[in-house]
């Protein structure tokens, strides 16, 4: 019984991490595409420059908060529908 309960919570936590991680991935990929669109992909601004520019503590905080909000909304909709 306890093993089943632990396994259930492990699966719930793993699913939450995967969903939040996917939302964070989409957030950062959108930022990366925006950097190249904004900079018109000049030769001076490389992929490494863009990655350095978008991975900031502020962007990480925004990504995590957005991921958690997205997870909560998806779980709510999943249970409602």
C-alpha atoms as a PDB file:
ATOM      1  CA  UNK A   1       0.000   0.000   0.000  1.00  0.00           C
ATOM      2  CA  UNK A   2       2.748   2.450   0.948  1.00  0.00           C
ATOM      3  CA  UNK A   3       4.737   1.543  -2.166  1.00  0.00           C
ATOM      4  CA  UNK A   4       1.699   2.222  -4.355  1.00  0.00           C
ATOM      5  CA  UNK A   5       1.209   5.613  -2.684  1.00  0.00           C
ATOM      6  CA  UNK A   6       4.891   6.510  -3.130  1.00  0.00           C
ATOM      7  CA  UNK A   7       4.757   5.387  -6.749  1.00  0.00           C
ATOM      8  CA  UNK A   8       1.634   7.518  -7.338  1.00  0.00           C
ATOM      9  CA  UNK A   9       3.240  10.646  -5.860  1.00  0.00           C
ATOM     10  CA  UNK A  10       6.448   9.989  -7.777  1.00  0.00           C
ATOM     11  CA  UNK A  11       4.484   9.812 -11.033  1.00  0.00           C
ATOM     12  CA  UNK A  12       2.596  13.026 -10.208  1.00  0.00           C
ATOM     13  CA  UNK A  13       5.805  14.872  -9.391  1.00  0.00           C
ATOM     14  CA  UNK A  14       7.538  13.520 -12.487  1.00  0.00           C
ATOM     15  CA  UNK A  15       4.608  14.591 -14.672  1.00  0.00           C
ATOM     16  CA  UNK A  16       4.626  18.066 -13.131  1.00  0.00           C
ATOM     17  CA  UNK A  17       8.374  18.423 -13.725  1.00  0.00           C
ATOM     18  CA  UNK A  18       8.040  17.303 -17.338  1.00  0.00           C
ATOM     19  CA  UNK A  19       5.158  19.692 -18.041  1.00  0.00           C
ATOM     20  CA  UNK A  20       6.837  22.666 -16.357  1.00  0.00           C
ATOM     21  CA  UNK A  21      10.105  21.816 -18.113  1.00  0.00           C
ATOM     22  CA  UNK A  22       8.370  21.746 -21.473  1.00  0.00           C
ATOM     23  CA  UNK A  23       6.785  25.152 -20.854  1.00  0.00           C
ATOM     24  CA  UNK A  24      10.182  26.549 -19.810  1.00  0.00           C
ATOM     25  CA  UNK A  25      11.732  25.059 -22.965  1.00  0.00           C
ATOM     26  CA  UNK A  26       9.090  26.740 -25.123  1.00  0.00           C
ATOM     27  CA  UNK A  27       9.667  30.043 -23.305  1.00  0.00           C
ATOM     28  CA  UNK A  28      13.417  29.972 -23.900  1.00  0.00           C
ATOM     29  CA  UNK A  29      13.119  28.827 -27.502  1.00  0.00           C
ATOM     30  CA  UNK A  30      10.736  31.724 -28.124  1.00  0.00           C
ATOM     31  CA  UNK A  31      13.230  34.139 -26.552  1.00  0.00           C
ATOM     32  CA  UNK A  32      16.051  32.708 -28.659  1.00  0.00           C
ATOM     33  CA  UNK A  33      14.064  33.117 -31.872  1.00  0.00           C
ATOM     34  CA  UNK A  34      13.200  36.665 -30.826  1.00  0.00           C
ATOM     35  CA  UNK A  35      16.861  37.509 -30.272  1.00  0.00           C
ATOM     36  CA  UNK A  36      17.752  36.504 -33.810  1.00  0.00           C
ATOM     37  CA  UNK A  37      14.740  38.276 -35.270  1.00  0.00           C
ATOM     38  CA  UNK A  38      15.528  41.446 -33.339  1.00  0.00           C
ATOM     39  CA  UNK A  39      19.229  41.413 -34.198  1.00  0.00           C
ATOM     40  CA  UNK A  40      18.652  40.490 -37.879  1.00  0.00           C
ATOM     41  CA  UNK A  41      21.254  37.738 -37.390  1.00  0.00           C
ATOM     42  CA  UNK A  42      24.271  39.963 -37.902  1.00  0.00           C
ATOM     43  CA  UNK A  43      27.622  38.139 -38.032  1.00  0.00           C
ATOM     44  CA  UNK A  44      28.725  39.763 -34.759  1.00  0.00           C
ATOM     45  CA  UNK A  45      25.799  38.325 -32.815  1.00  0.00           C
ATOM     46  CA  UNK A  46      26.314  34.573 -32.714  1.00  0.00           C
ATOM     47  CA  UNK A  47      24.304  31.784 -31.120  1.00  0.00           C
ATOM     48  CA  UNK A  48      26.556  31.925 -28.067  1.00  0.00           C
ATOM     49  CA  UNK A  49      25.894  35.664 -27.715  1.00  0.00           C
ATOM     50  CA  UNK A  50      22.122  35.090 -27.931  1.00  0.00           C
ATOM     51  CA  UNK A  51      22.210  32.286 -25.353  1.00  0.00           C
ATOM     52  CA  UNK A  52      24.242  34.470 -23.003  1.00  0.00           C
ATOM     53  CA  UNK A  53      21.758  37.290 -23.515  1.00  0.00           C
ATOM     54  CA  UNK A  54      18.596  35.288 -22.757  1.00  0.00           C
ATOM     55  CA  UNK A  55      19.740  33.147 -19.806  1.00  0.00           C
ATOM     56  CA  UNK A  56      19.383  35.692 -17.022  1.00  0.00           C
ATOM     57  CA  UNK A  57      17.980  35.308 -13.508  1.00  0.00           C
ATOM     58  CA  UNK A  58      14.992  37.488 -14.420  1.00  0.00           C
ATOM     59  CA  UNK A  59      14.150  35.378 -17.485  1.00  0.00           C
ATOM     60  CA  UNK A  60      14.560  32.195 -15.445  1.00  0.00           C
ATOM     61  CA  UNK A  61      12.156  33.503 -12.801  1.00  0.00           C
ATOM     62  CA  UNK A  62       9.620  34.463 -15.455  1.00  0.00           C
ATOM     63  CA  UNK A  63       9.971  31.045 -17.102  1.00  0.00           C
ATOM     64  CA  UNK A  64       9.471  29.161 -13.832  1.00  0.00           C
ATOM     65  CA  UNK A  65       6.463  31.226 -12.775  1.00  0.00           C
ATOM     66  CA  UNK A  66       4.937  30.842 -16.246  1.00  0.00           C
ATOM     67  CA  UNK A  67       5.617  27.112 -16.164  1.00  0.00           C
ATOM     68  CA  UNK A  68       3.956  26.680 -12.790  1.00  0.00           C
ATOM     69  CA  UNK A  69       0.937  28.768 -13.802  1.00  0.00           C
ATOM     70  CA  UNK A  70       0.669  26.785 -17.024  1.00  0.00           C
ATOM     71  CA  UNK A  71       0.843  23.506 -15.119  1.00  0.00           C
ATOM     72  CA  UNK A  72      -1.890  24.613 -12.705  1.00  0.00           C
ATOM     73  CA  UNK A  73      -4.144  25.755 -15.563  1.00  0.00           C
ATOM     74  CA  UNK A  74      -3.609  22.529 -17.528  1.00  0.00           C
ATOM     75  CA  UNK A  75      -4.321  20.396 -14.466  1.00  0.00           C
ATOM     76  CA  UNK A  76      -7.479  22.387 -13.761  1.00  0.00           C
ATOM     77  CA  UNK A  77      -8.667  21.991 -17.346  1.00  0.00           C
ATOM     78  CA  UNK A  78      -7.720  18.305 -17.379  1.00  0.00           C
ATOM     79  CA  UNK A  79      -9.854  17.651 -14.303  1.00  0.00           C
ATOM     80  CA  UNK A  80     -12.748  19.865 -15.455  1.00  0.00           C
ATOM     81  CA  UNK A  81     -13.013  18.365 -18.913  1.00  0.00           C
END
